[in-house]
Amino acid sequence: MHRKASELKRDKMFSKGREYGEAIHLADKDDLRGGATFYAVMKLKEGEEIGYHQHVGEKELFHFLEGQGEVNDNGQIVHVSPGDVIMTPADGWHAFKNTGIGDLVFTALIIRSEK
């Protein structure tokens, strides 16, 4: 299957009524069938953040493509830049903040935890 960039679903992300970035879905649930539930490119504008949250019954893998940021990975603050990878364990907590100039861009893959 081939999809052009113009065919990918794009969602604006909002918190408290304010837009803070965009998710570009690389695959949907039907494409992912099985263990994965979400695969997208995430973009956070300068100074924007995704608050501390948990995915119950899921783990996540993040690959940073552009920009500079800060990730709270289960209470540990780490600085990220292009090429870095973060793996949040099942039921883990995480948050993201763009601390650089320009967009912070990363892929996000959510995978169901094995019981």
PDB file of N, CA and C in Angstrom:
ATOM      1  N   MET A   1       0.834  -1.171   0.000  1.00  0.00           N
ATOM      2  CA  MET A   1       0.000   0.000   0.000  1.00  0.00           C
ATOM      3  C   MET A   1       0.887   1.247   0.000  1.00  0.00           C
ATOM      4  N   HIS A   2       0.488   2.225  -0.756  1.00  0.00           N
ATOM      5  CA  HIS A   2       1.223   3.484  -0.840  1.00  0.00           C
ATOM      6  C   HIS A   2       0.256   4.621  -0.564  1.00  0.00           C
ATOM      7  N   ARG A   3       0.651   5.535   0.291  1.00  0.00           N
ATOM      8  CA  ARG A   3      -0.145   6.740   0.535  1.00  0.00           C
ATOM      9  C   ARG A   3       0.739   7.948   0.344  1.00  0.00           C
ATOM     10  N   LYS A   4       0.228   8.899  -0.391  1.00  0.00           N
ATOM     11  CA  LYS A   4       0.932  10.171  -0.551  1.00  0.00           C
ATOM     12  C   LYS A   4       0.757  10.989   0.729  1.00  0.00           C
ATOM     13  N   ALA A   5       1.689  11.872   0.978  1.00  0.00           N
ATOM     14  CA  ALA A   5       1.624  12.711   2.180  1.00  0.00           C
ATOM     15  C   ALA A   5       0.287  13.440   2.269  1.00  0.00           C
ATOM     16  N   SER A   6      -0.232  13.869   1.149  1.00  0.00           N
ATOM     17  CA  SER A   6      -1.499  14.602   1.125  1.00  0.00           C
ATOM     18  C   SER A   6      -2.693  13.734   1.518  1.00  0.00           C
ATOM     19  N   GLU A   7      -2.520  12.415   1.522  1.00  0.00           N
ATOM     20  CA  GLU A   7      -3.609  11.496   1.859  1.00  0.00           C
ATOM     21  C   GLU A   7      -3.626  11.110   3.341  1.00  0.00           C
ATOM     22  N   LEU A   8      -2.594  11.473   4.074  1.00  0.00           N
ATOM     23  CA  LEU A   8      -2.509  11.088   5.480  1.00  0.00           C
ATOM     24  C   LEU A   8      -3.451  11.934   6.331  1.00  0.00           C
ATOM     25  N   LYS A   9      -4.116  11.293   7.278  1.00  0.00           N
ATOM     26  CA  LYS A   9      -5.023  11.982   8.191  1.00  0.00           C
ATOM     27  C   LYS A   9      -4.202  12.854   9.128  1.00  0.00           C
ATOM     28  N   ARG A  10      -4.666  14.070   9.332  1.00  0.00           N
ATOM     29  CA  ARG A  10      -3.994  15.021  10.214  1.00  0.00           C
ATOM     30  C   ARG A  10      -4.984  15.509  11.258  1.00  0.00           C
ATOM     31  N   ASP A  11      -4.564  15.491  12.500  1.00  0.00           N
ATOM     32  CA  ASP A  11      -5.393  15.988  13.599  1.00  0.00           C
ATOM     33  C   ASP A  11      -4.658  17.100  14.310  1.00  0.00           C
ATOM     34  N   LYS A  12      -5.350  18.195  14.536  1.00  0.00           N
ATOM     35  CA  LYS A  12      -4.812  19.244  15.401  1.00  0.00           C
ATOM     36  C   LYS A  12      -4.961  18.751  16.833  1.00  0.00           C
ATOM     37  N   MET A  13      -4.002  19.040  17.679  1.00  0.00           N
ATOM     38  CA  MET A  13      -4.071  18.645  19.082  1.00  0.00           C
ATOM     39  C   MET A  13      -4.430  19.878  19.908  1.00  0.00           C
ATOM     40  N   PHE A  14      -5.332  19.682  20.855  1.00  0.00           N
ATOM     41  CA  PHE A  14      -5.816  20.780  21.679  1.00  0.00           C
ATOM     42  C   PHE A  14      -5.752  20.408  23.147  1.00  0.00           C
ATOM     43  N   SER A  15      -5.500  21.401  23.985  1.00  0.00           N
ATOM     44  CA  SER A  15      -5.567  21.255  25.428  1.00  0.00           C
ATOM     45  C   SER A  15      -6.111  22.553  25.992  1.00  0.00           C
ATOM     46  N   LYS A  16      -7.135  22.448  26.803  1.00  0.00           N
ATOM     47  CA  LYS A  16      -7.762  23.627  27.406  1.00  0.00           C
ATOM     48  C   LYS A  16      -8.144  24.649  26.345  1.00  0.00           C
ATOM     49  N   GLY A  17      -8.657  24.156  25.208  1.00  0.00           N
ATOM     50  CA  GLY A  17      -9.133  25.014  24.143  1.00  0.00           C
ATOM     51  C   GLY A  17      -8.044  25.659  23.294  1.00  0.00           C
ATOM     52  N   ARG A  18      -6.787  25.293  23.520  1.00  0.00           N
ATOM     53  CA  ARG A  18      -5.668  25.903  22.790  1.00  0.00           C
ATOM     54  C   ARG A  18      -4.967  24.859  21.935  1.00  0.00           C
ATOM     55  N   GLU A  19      -4.745  25.185  20.684  1.00  0.00           N
ATOM     56  CA  GLU A  19      -4.021  24.279  19.794  1.00  0.00           C
ATOM     57  C   GLU A  19      -2.558  24.239  20.202  1.00  0.00           C
ATOM     58  N   TYR A  20      -1.985  23.022  20.257  1.00  0.00           N
ATOM     59  CA  TYR A  20      -0.575  22.923  20.625  1.00  0.00           C
ATOM     60  C   TYR A  20       0.254  22.096  19.668  1.00  0.00           C
ATOM     61  N   GLY A  21      -0.306  21.570  18.625  1.00  0.00           N
ATOM     62  CA  GLY A  21       0.495  20.790  17.689  1.00  0.00           C
ATOM     63  C   GLY A  21      -0.374  19.992  16.749  1.00  0.00           C
ATOM     64  N   GLU A  22       0.241  18.979  16.137  1.00  0.00           N
ATOM     65  CA  GLU A  22      -0.445  18.207  15.111  1.00  0.00           C
ATOM     66  C   GLU A  22       0.021  16.754  15.153  1.00  0.00           C
ATOM     67  N   ALA A  23      -0.909  15.847  14.865  1.00  0.00           N
ATOM     68  CA  ALA A  23      -0.581  14.423  14.704  1.00  0.00           C
ATOM     69  C   ALA A  23      -0.851  14.054  13.251  1.00  0.00           C
ATOM     70  N   ILE A  24       0.139  13.484  12.597  1.00  0.00           N
ATOM     71  CA  ILE A  24      -0.008  13.017  11.215  1.00  0.00           C
ATOM     72  C   ILE A  24       0.000  11.498  11.279  1.00  0.00           C
ATOM     73  N   HIS A  25      -1.145  10.889  11.031  1.00  0.00           N
ATOM     74  CA  HIS A  25      -1.292   9.440  11.179  1.00  0.00           C
ATOM     75  C   HIS A  25      -0.630   8.711  10.013  1.00  0.00           C
ATOM     76  N   LEU A  26       0.387   7.913  10.317  1.00  0.00           N
ATOM     77  CA  LEU A  26       1.089   7.142   9.297  1.00  0.00           C
ATOM     78  C   LEU A  26       0.335   5.857   8.976  1.00  0.00           C
ATOM     79  N   ALA A  27      -0.472   5.399   9.914  1.00  0.00           N
ATOM     80  CA  ALA A  27      -1.299   4.208   9.721  1.00  0.00           C
ATOM     81  C   ALA A  27      -2.484   4.324  10.664  1.00  0.00           C
ATOM     82  N   ASP A  28      -3.612   3.727  10.291  1.00  0.00           N
ATOM     83  CA  ASP A  28      -4.751   3.718  11.199  1.00  0.00           C
ATOM     84  C   ASP A  28      -4.904   2.332  11.809  1.00  0.00           C
ATOM     85  N   LYS A  29      -5.875   2.183  12.707  1.00  0.00           N
ATOM     86  CA  LYS A  29      -6.034   0.912  13.424  1.00  0.00           C
ATOM     87  C   LYS A  29      -6.233  -0.265  12.485  1.00  0.00           C
ATOM     88  N   ASP A  30      -6.965  -0.054  11.394  1.00  0.00           N
ATOM     89  CA  ASP A  30      -7.178  -1.150  10.438  1.00  0.00           C
ATOM     90  C   ASP A  30      -5.867  -1.577   9.787  1.00  0.00           C
ATOM     91  N   ASP A  31      -4.989  -0.607   9.503  1.00  0.00           N
ATOM     92  CA  ASP A  31      -3.687  -0.920   8.919  1.00  0.00           C
ATOM     93  C   ASP A  31      -2.811  -1.675   9.911  1.00  0.00           C
ATOM     94  N   LEU A  32      -2.930  -1.322  11.187  1.00  0.00           N
ATOM     95  CA  LEU A  32      -2.032  -1.832  12.218  1.00  0.00           C
ATOM     96  C   LEU A  32      -2.460  -3.176  12.797  1.00  0.00           C
ATOM     97  N   ARG A  33      -3.682  -3.575  12.606  1.00  0.00           N
ATOM     98  CA  ARG A  33      -4.241  -4.816  13.167  1.00  0.00           C
ATOM     99  C   ARG A  33      -3.235  -5.612  13.975  1.00  0.00           C
ATOM    100  N   GLY A  34      -3.613  -5.932  15.147  1.00  0.00           N
ATOM    101  CA  GLY A  34      -2.723  -6.703  16.009  1.00  0.00           C
ATOM    102  C   GLY A  34      -2.346  -5.906  17.235  1.00  0.00           C
ATOM    103  N   GLY A  35      -1.063  -5.841  17.520  1.00  0.00           N
ATOM    104  CA  GLY A  35      -0.593  -5.243  18.758  1.00  0.00           C
ATOM    105  C   GLY A  35      -0.529  -3.738  18.788  1.00  0.00           C
ATOM    106  N   ALA A  36      -0.350  -3.084  17.647  1.00  0.00           N
ATOM    107  CA  ALA A  36      -0.215  -1.626  17.629  1.00  0.00           C
ATOM    108  C   ALA A  36      -1.574  -0.963  17.465  1.00  0.00           C
ATOM    109  N   THR A  37      -1.745   0.193  18.123  1.00  0.00           N
ATOM    110  CA  THR A  37      -3.016   0.911  18.039  1.00  0.00           C
ATOM    111  C   THR A  37      -2.872   2.320  17.464  1.00  0.00           C
ATOM    112  N   PHE A  38      -1.639   2.828  17.388  1.00  0.00           N
ATOM    113  CA  PHE A  38      -1.443   4.217  16.947  1.00  0.00           C
ATOM    114  C   PHE A  38      -0.029   4.350  16.416  1.00  0.00           C
ATOM    115  N   TYR A  39       0.109   4.999  15.264  1.00  0.00           N
ATOM    116  CA  TYR A  39       1.430   5.276  14.693  1.00  0.00           C
ATOM    117  C   TYR A  39       1.324   6.595  13.960  1.00  0.00           C
ATOM    118  N   ALA A  40       2.024   7.605  14.466  1.00  0.00           N
ATOM    119  CA  ALA A  40       1.890   8.942  13.897  1.00  0.00           C
ATOM    120  C   ALA A  40       3.170   9.739  14.071  1.00  0.00           C
ATOM    121  N   VAL A  41       3.277  10.803  13.278  1.00  0.00           N
ATOM    122  CA  VAL A  41       4.312  11.825  13.461  1.00  0.00           C
ATOM    123  C   VAL A  41       3.655  12.928  14.277  1.00  0.00           C
ATOM    124  N   MET A  42       4.288  13.289  15.371  1.00  0.00           N
ATOM    125  CA  MET A  42       3.777  14.336  16.248  1.00  0.00           C
ATOM    126  C   MET A  42       4.623  15.589  16.067  1.00  0.00           C
ATOM    127  N   LYS A  43       3.961  16.732  16.035  1.00  0.00           N
ATOM    128  CA  LYS A  43       4.657  18.015  15.914  1.00  0.00           C
ATOM    129  C   LYS A  43       4.194  18.935  17.023  1.00  0.00           C
ATOM    130  N   LEU A  44       5.145  19.423  17.811  1.00  0.00           N
ATOM    131  CA  LEU A  44       4.854  20.408  18.842  1.00  0.00           C
ATOM    132  C   LEU A  44       5.522  21.721  18.460  1.00  0.00           C
ATOM    133  N   LYS A  45       4.767  22.800  18.531  1.00  0.00           N
ATOM    134  CA  LYS A  45       5.293  24.120  18.236  1.00  0.00           C
ATOM    135  C   LYS A  45       6.214  24.584  19.365  1.00  0.00           C
ATOM    136  N   GLU A  46       6.984  25.626  19.112  1.00  0.00           N
ATOM    137  CA  GLU A  46       7.903  26.182  20.117  1.00  0.00           C
ATOM    138  C   GLU A  46       7.173  26.435  21.427  1.00  0.00           C
ATOM    139  N   GLY A  47       7.753  25.930  22.533  1.00  0.00           N
ATOM    140  CA  GLY A  47       7.207  26.168  23.855  1.00  0.00           C
ATOM    141  C   GLY A  47       6.004  25.320  24.223  1.00  0.00           C
ATOM    142  N   GLU A  48       5.467  24.559  23.299  1.00  0.00           N
ATOM    143  CA  GLU A  48       4.261  23.772  23.562  1.00  0.00           C
ATOM    144  C   GLU A  48       4.619  22.439  24.202  1.00  0.00           C
ATOM    145  N   GLU A  49       3.633  21.838  24.847  1.00  0.00           N
ATOM    146  CA  GLU A  49       3.881  20.579  25.529  1.00  0.00           C
ATOM    147  C   GLU A  49       2.649  19.683  25.543  1.00  0.00           C
ATOM    148  N   ILE A  50       2.910  18.399  25.745  1.00  0.00           N
ATOM    149  CA  ILE A  50       1.873  17.408  25.994  1.00  0.00           C
ATOM    150  C   ILE A  50       2.036  17.040  27.459  1.00  0.00           C
ATOM    151  N   GLY A  51       1.000  17.232  28.254  1.00  0.00           N
ATOM    152  CA  GLY A  51       1.078  17.013  29.694  1.00  0.00           C
ATOM    153  C   GLY A  51       1.326  15.564  30.096  1.00  0.00           C
ATOM    154  N   TYR A  52       1.703  15.415  31.339  1.00  0.00           N
ATOM    155  CA  TYR A  52       2.027  14.114  31.932  1.00  0.00           C
ATOM    156  C   TYR A  52       0.789  13.228  31.891  1.00  0.00           C
ATOM    157  N   HIS A  53       0.920  12.063  31.264  1.00  0.00           N
ATOM    158  CA  HIS A  53      -0.220  11.165  31.126  1.00  0.00           C
ATOM    159  C   HIS A  53       0.239   9.710  31.018  1.00  0.00           C
ATOM    160  N   GLN A  54      -0.726   8.817  31.117  1.00  0.00           N
ATOM    161  CA  GLN A  54      -0.459   7.382  31.115  1.00  0.00           C
ATOM    162  C   GLN A  54      -1.355   6.705  30.076  1.00  0.00           C
ATOM    163  N   HIS A  55      -0.831   5.643  29.465  1.00  0.00           N
ATOM    164  CA  HIS A  55      -1.608   4.781  28.574  1.00  0.00           C
ATOM    165  C   HIS A  55      -1.729   3.427  29.264  1.00  0.00           C
ATOM    166  N   VAL A  56      -2.857   3.186  29.906  1.00  0.00           N
ATOM    167  CA  VAL A  56      -3.070   1.947  30.636  1.00  0.00           C
ATOM    168  C   VAL A  56      -3.149   0.780  29.656  1.00  0.00           C
ATOM    169  N   GLY A  57      -2.376  -0.264  29.926  1.00  0.00           N
ATOM    170  CA  GLY A  57      -2.385  -1.453  29.083  1.00  0.00           C
ATOM    171  C   GLY A  57      -1.615  -1.292  27.784  1.00  0.00           C
ATOM    172  N   GLU A  58      -0.807  -0.226  27.690  1.00  0.00           N
ATOM    173  CA  GLU A  58      -0.042   0.028  26.463  1.00  0.00           C
ATOM    174  C   GLU A  58       1.361   0.510  26.806  1.00  0.00           C
ATOM    175  N   LYS A  59       2.279   0.270  25.876  1.00  0.00           N
ATOM    176  CA  LYS A  59       3.624   0.835  25.959  1.00  0.00           C
ATOM    177  C   LYS A  59       3.807   1.712  24.721  1.00  0.00           C
ATOM    178  N   GLU A  60       4.809   2.609  24.761  1.00  0.00           N
ATOM    179  CA  GLU A  60       5.011   3.522  23.635  1.00  0.00           C
ATOM    180  C   GLU A  60       6.475   3.634  23.271  1.00  0.00           C
ATOM    181  N   LEU A  61       6.699   3.852  21.993  1.00  0.00           N
ATOM    182  CA  LEU A  61       8.034   4.040  21.441  1.00  0.00           C
ATOM    183  C   LEU A  61       8.039   5.371  20.698  1.00  0.00           C
ATOM    184  N   PHE A  62       9.019   6.224  21.003  1.00  0.00           N
ATOM    185  CA  PHE A  62       9.130   7.541  20.381  1.00  0.00           C
ATOM    186  C   PHE A  62      10.496   7.671  19.720  1.00  0.00           C
ATOM    187  N   HIS A  63      10.523   8.179  18.503  1.00  0.00           N
ATOM    188  CA  HIS A  63      11.772   8.434  17.786  1.00  0.00           C
ATOM    189  C   HIS A  63      11.760   9.911  17.393  1.00  0.00           C
ATOM    190  N   PHE A  64      12.750  10.659  17.851  1.00  0.00           N
ATOM    191  CA  PHE A  64      12.798  12.104  17.634  1.00  0.00           C
ATOM    192  C   PHE A  64      13.498  12.425  16.315  1.00  0.00           C
ATOM    193  N   LEU A  65      12.836  13.238  15.502  1.00  0.00           N
ATOM    194  CA  LEU A  65      13.292  13.533  14.145  1.00  0.00           C
ATOM    195  C   LEU A  65      13.853  14.944  13.981  1.00  0.00           C
ATOM    196  N   GLU A  66      13.235  15.922  14.648  1.00  0.00           N
ATOM    197  CA  GLU A  66      13.653  17.324  14.509  1.00  0.00           C
ATOM    198  C   GLU A  66      13.465  18.047  15.833  1.00  0.00           C
ATOM    199  N   GLY A  67      14.291  19.051  16.060  1.00  0.00           N
ATOM    200  CA  GLY A  67      14.125  19.936  17.198  1.00  0.00           C
ATOM    201  C   GLY A  67      14.789  19.451  18.471  1.00  0.00           C
ATOM    202  N   GLN A  68      14.524  20.192  19.532  1.00  0.00           N
ATOM    203  CA  GLN A  68      15.070  19.902  20.861  1.00  0.00           C
ATOM    204  C   GLN A  68      13.899  19.877  21.838  1.00  0.00           C
ATOM    205  N   GLY A  69      13.963  18.953  22.785  1.00  0.00           N
ATOM    206  CA  GLY A  69      12.867  18.865  23.733  1.00  0.00           C
ATOM    207  C   GLY A  69      13.273  18.258  25.045  1.00  0.00           C
ATOM    208  N   GLU A  70      12.276  18.174  25.894  1.00  0.00           N
ATOM    209  CA  GLU A  70      12.435  17.603  27.210  1.00  0.00           C
ATOM    210  C   GLU A  70      11.304  16.595  27.392  1.00  0.00           C
ATOM    211  N   VAL A  71      11.645  15.400  27.865  1.00  0.00           N
ATOM    212  CA  VAL A  71      10.653  14.362  28.099  1.00  0.00           C
ATOM    213  C   VAL A  71      10.703  13.972  29.568  1.00  0.00           C
ATOM    214  N   ASN A  72       9.530  13.916  30.169  1.00  0.00           N
ATOM    215  CA  ASN A  72       9.410  13.363  31.509  1.00  0.00           C
ATOM    216  C   ASN A  72       9.017  11.909  31.301  1.00  0.00           C
ATOM    217  N   ASP A  73       9.950  11.010  31.513  1.00  0.00           N
ATOM    218  CA  ASP A  73       9.744   9.575  31.306  1.00  0.00           C
ATOM    219  C   ASP A  73       9.666   8.910  32.673  1.00  0.00           C
ATOM    220  N   ASN A  74       8.424   8.732  33.166  1.00  0.00           N
ATOM    221  CA  ASN A  74       8.202   8.123  34.487  1.00  0.00           C
ATOM    222  C   ASN A  74       8.951   8.853  35.596  1.00  0.00           C
ATOM    223  N   GLY A  75       8.906  10.180  35.549  1.00  0.00           N
ATOM    224  CA  GLY A  75       9.528  10.997  36.584  1.00  0.00           C
ATOM    225  C   GLY A  75      10.972  11.386  36.323  1.00  0.00           C
ATOM    226  N   GLN A  76      11.596  10.818  35.305  1.00  0.00           N
ATOM    227  CA  GLN A  76      12.980  11.171  34.951  1.00  0.00           C
ATOM    228  C   GLN A  76      12.940  12.150  33.777  1.00  0.00           C
ATOM    229  N   ILE A  77      13.527  13.322  33.955  1.00  0.00           N
ATOM    230  CA  ILE A  77      13.567  14.335  32.896  1.00  0.00           C
ATOM    231  C   ILE A  77      14.791  14.075  32.019  1.00  0.00           C
ATOM    232  N   VAL A  78      14.565  13.905  30.722  1.00  0.00           N
ATOM    233  CA  VAL A  78      15.667  13.703  29.781  1.00  0.00           C
ATOM    234  C   VAL A  78      15.535  14.709  28.640  1.00  0.00           C
ATOM    235  N   HIS A  79      16.661  15.174  28.141  1.00  0.00           N
ATOM    236  CA  HIS A  79      16.676  16.086  27.001  1.00  0.00           C
ATOM    237  C   HIS A  79      16.823  15.249  25.736  1.00  0.00           C
ATOM    238  N   VAL A  80      16.026  15.566  24.726  1.00  0.00           N
ATOM    239  CA  VAL A  80      16.038  14.791  23.485  1.00  0.00           C
ATOM    240  C   VAL A  80      16.362  15.676  22.293  1.00  0.00           C
ATOM    241  N   SER A  81      16.977  15.039  21.295  1.00  0.00           N
ATOM    242  CA  SER A  81      17.320  15.702  20.038  1.00  0.00           C
ATOM    243  C   SER A  81      17.199  14.666  18.920  1.00  0.00           C
ATOM    244  N   PRO A  82      17.341  15.095  17.656  1.00  0.00           N
ATOM    245  CA  PRO A  82      17.147  14.163  16.537  1.00  0.00           C
ATOM    246  C   PRO A  82      17.968  12.882  16.680  1.00  0.00           C
ATOM    247  N   GLY A  83      17.298  11.765  16.427  1.00  0.00           N
ATOM    248  CA  GLY A  83      17.919  10.454  16.500  1.00  0.00           C
ATOM    249  C   GLY A  83      17.671   9.721  17.811  1.00  0.00           C
ATOM    250  N   ASP A  84      17.301  10.462  18.859  1.00  0.00           N
ATOM    251  CA  ASP A  84      17.055   9.829  20.158  1.00  0.00           C
ATOM    252  C   ASP A  84      15.777   9.000  20.127  1.00  0.00           C
ATOM    253  N   VAL A  85      15.740   7.988  20.990  1.00  0.00           N
ATOM    254  CA  VAL A  85      14.584   7.103  21.125  1.00  0.00           C
ATOM    255  C   VAL A  85      14.221   7.000  22.599  1.00  0.00           C
ATOM    256  N   ILE A  86      12.934   7.055  22.884  1.00  0.00           N
ATOM    257  CA  ILE A  86      12.427   6.839  24.240  1.00  0.00           C
ATOM    258  C   ILE A  86      11.448   5.666  24.155  1.00  0.00           C
ATOM    259  N   MET A  87      11.570   4.715  25.073  1.00  0.00           N
ATOM    260  CA  MET A  87      10.623   3.603  25.163  1.00  0.00           C
ATOM    261  C   MET A  87       9.964   3.665  26.526  1.00  0.00           C
ATOM    262  N   THR A  88       8.668   3.960  26.550  1.00  0.00           N
ATOM    263  CA  THR A  88       7.924   4.025  27.794  1.00  0.00           C
ATOM    264  C   THR A  88       7.314   2.648  28.055  1.00  0.00           C
ATOM    265  N   PRO A  89       7.567   2.069  29.222  1.00  0.00           N
ATOM    266  CA  PRO A  89       7.064   0.720  29.497  1.00  0.00           C
ATOM    267  C   PRO A  89       5.543   0.685  29.635  1.00  0.00           C
ATOM    268  N   ALA A  90       5.003  -0.516  29.639  1.00  0.00           N
ATOM    269  CA  ALA A  90       3.568  -0.700  29.819  1.00  0.00           C
ATOM    270  C   ALA A  90       3.098   0.044  31.070  1.00  0.00           C
ATOM    271  N   ASP A  91       2.005   0.764  30.923  1.00  0.00           N
ATOM    272  CA  ASP A  91       1.390   1.537  32.000  1.00  0.00           C
ATOM    273  C   ASP A  91       2.277   2.676  32.496  1.00  0.00           C
ATOM    274  N   GLY A  92       3.313   3.022  31.715  1.00  0.00           N
ATOM    275  CA  GLY A  92       4.216   4.099  32.102  1.00  0.00           C
ATOM    276  C   GLY A  92       3.593   5.474  31.907  1.00  0.00           C
ATOM    277  N   TRP A  93       4.241   6.464  32.466  1.00  0.00           N
ATOM    278  CA  TRP A  93       3.810   7.866  32.381  1.00  0.00           C
ATOM    279  C   TRP A  93       4.841   8.657  31.584  1.00  0.00           C
ATOM    280  N   HIS A  94       4.372   9.690  30.864  1.00  0.00           N
ATOM    281  CA  HIS A  94       5.289  10.527  30.094  1.00  0.00           C
ATOM    282  C   HIS A  94       4.665  11.871  29.763  1.00  0.00           C
ATOM    283  N   ALA A  95       5.538  12.839  29.461  1.00  0.00           N
ATOM    284  CA  ALA A  95       5.141  14.182  29.031  1.00  0.00           C
ATOM    285  C   ALA A  95       6.234  14.700  28.102  1.00  0.00           C
ATOM    286  N   PHE A  96       5.881  15.648  27.244  1.00  0.00           N
ATOM    287  CA  PHE A  96       6.819  16.196  26.263  1.00  0.00           C
ATOM    288  C   PHE A  96       6.740  17.705  26.270  1.00  0.00           C
ATOM    289  N   LYS A  97       7.893  18.351  26.077  1.00  0.00           N
ATOM    290  CA  LYS A  97       7.929  19.809  25.956  1.00  0.00           C
ATOM    291  C   LYS A  97       8.941  20.185  24.892  1.00  0.00           C
ATOM    292  N   ASN A  98       8.532  21.064  23.989  1.00  0.00           N
ATOM    293  CA  ASN A  98       9.440  21.611  22.982  1.00  0.00           C
ATOM    294  C   ASN A  98      10.230  22.723  23.655  1.00  0.00           C
ATOM    295  N   THR A  99      11.533  22.526  23.808  1.00  0.00           N
ATOM    296  CA  THR A  99      12.388  23.515  24.458  1.00  0.00           C
ATOM    297  C   THR A  99      13.294  24.237  23.462  1.00  0.00           C
ATOM    298  N   GLY A 100      13.142  23.924  22.180  1.00  0.00           N
ATOM    299  CA  GLY A 100      14.030  24.488  21.173  1.00  0.00           C
ATOM    300  C   GLY A 100      13.362  25.539  20.304  1.00  0.00           C
ATOM    301  N   ILE A 101      14.054  25.875  19.236  1.00  0.00           N
ATOM    302  CA  ILE A 101      13.551  26.807  18.228  1.00  0.00           C
ATOM    303  C   ILE A 101      12.978  25.978  17.092  1.00  0.00           C
ATOM    304  N   GLY A 102      11.790  26.294  16.631  1.00  0.00           N
ATOM    305  CA  GLY A 102      11.128  25.513  15.591  1.00  0.00           C
ATOM    306  C   GLY A 102      10.352  24.358  16.217  1.00  0.00           C
ATOM    307  N   ASP A 103       9.812  23.499  15.372  1.00  0.00           N
ATOM    308  CA  ASP A 103       8.995  22.383  15.832  1.00  0.00           C
ATOM    309  C   ASP A 103       9.836  21.270  16.454  1.00  0.00           C
ATOM    310  N   LEU A 104       9.245  20.584  17.432  1.00  0.00           N
ATOM    311  CA  LEU A 104       9.766  19.316  17.929  1.00  0.00           C
ATOM    312  C   LEU A 104       8.953  18.249  17.205  1.00  0.00           C
ATOM    313  N   VAL A 105       9.623  17.392  16.449  1.00  0.00           N
ATOM    314  CA  VAL A 105       8.947  16.397  15.613  1.00  0.00           C
ATOM    315  C   VAL A 105       9.428  15.009  16.007  1.00  0.00           C
ATOM    316  N   PHE A 106       8.464  14.111  16.234  1.00  0.00           N
ATOM    317  CA  PHE A 106       8.822  12.742  16.614  1.00  0.00           C
ATOM    318  C   PHE A 106       7.720  11.775  16.192  1.00  0.00           C
ATOM    319  N   THR A 107       8.106  10.510  16.015  1.00  0.00           N
ATOM    320  CA  THR A 107       7.107   9.490  15.751  1.00  0.00           C
ATOM    321  C   THR A 107       6.661   8.920  17.089  1.00  0.00           C
ATOM    322  N   ALA A 108       5.415   8.457  17.119  1.00  0.00           N
ATOM    323  CA  ALA A 108       4.851   7.815  18.313  1.00  0.00           C
ATOM    324  C   ALA A 108       4.171   6.531  17.869  1.00  0.00           C
ATOM    325  N   LEU A 109       4.579   5.420  18.475  1.00  0.00           N
ATOM    326  CA  LEU A 109       3.983   4.121  18.208  1.00  0.00           C
ATOM    327  C   LEU A 109       3.464   3.577  19.526  1.00  0.00           C
ATOM    328  N   ILE A 110       2.149   3.334  19.598  1.00  0.00           N
ATOM    329  CA  ILE A 110       1.528   2.776  20.801  1.00  0.00           C
ATOM    330  C   ILE A 110       1.250   1.297  20.540  1.00  0.00           C
ATOM    331  N   ILE A 111       1.702   0.463  21.491  1.00  0.00           N
ATOM    332  CA  ILE A 111       1.578  -0.985  21.347  1.00  0.00           C
ATOM    333  C   ILE A 111       0.862  -1.536  22.586  1.00  0.00           C
ATOM    334  N   ARG A 112      -0.140  -2.394  22.359  1.00  0.00           N
ATOM    335  CA  ARG A 112      -0.818  -3.032  23.487  1.00  0.00           C
ATOM    336  C   ARG A 112       0.159  -3.885  24.270  1.00  0.00           C
ATOM    337  N   SER A 113       0.027  -3.861  25.579  1.00  0.00           N
ATOM    338  CA  SER A 113       0.877  -4.690  26.437  1.00  0.00           C
ATOM    339  C   SER A 113       0.380  -6.133  26.400  1.00  0.00           C
ATOM    340  N   GLU A 114       1.306  -7.053  26.502  1.00  0.00           N
ATOM    341  CA  GLU A 114       0.925  -8.455  26.611  1.00  0.00           C
ATOM    342  C   GLU A 114       0.507  -8.712  28.038  1.00  0.00           C
ATOM    343  N   LYS A 115      -0.561  -9.419  28.210  1.00  0.00           N
ATOM    344  CA  LYS A 115      -1.083  -9.713  29.567  1.00  0.00           C
ATOM    345  C   LYS A 115      -0.398 -10.921  30.133  1.00  0.00           C
TER     346      LYS A 115
END
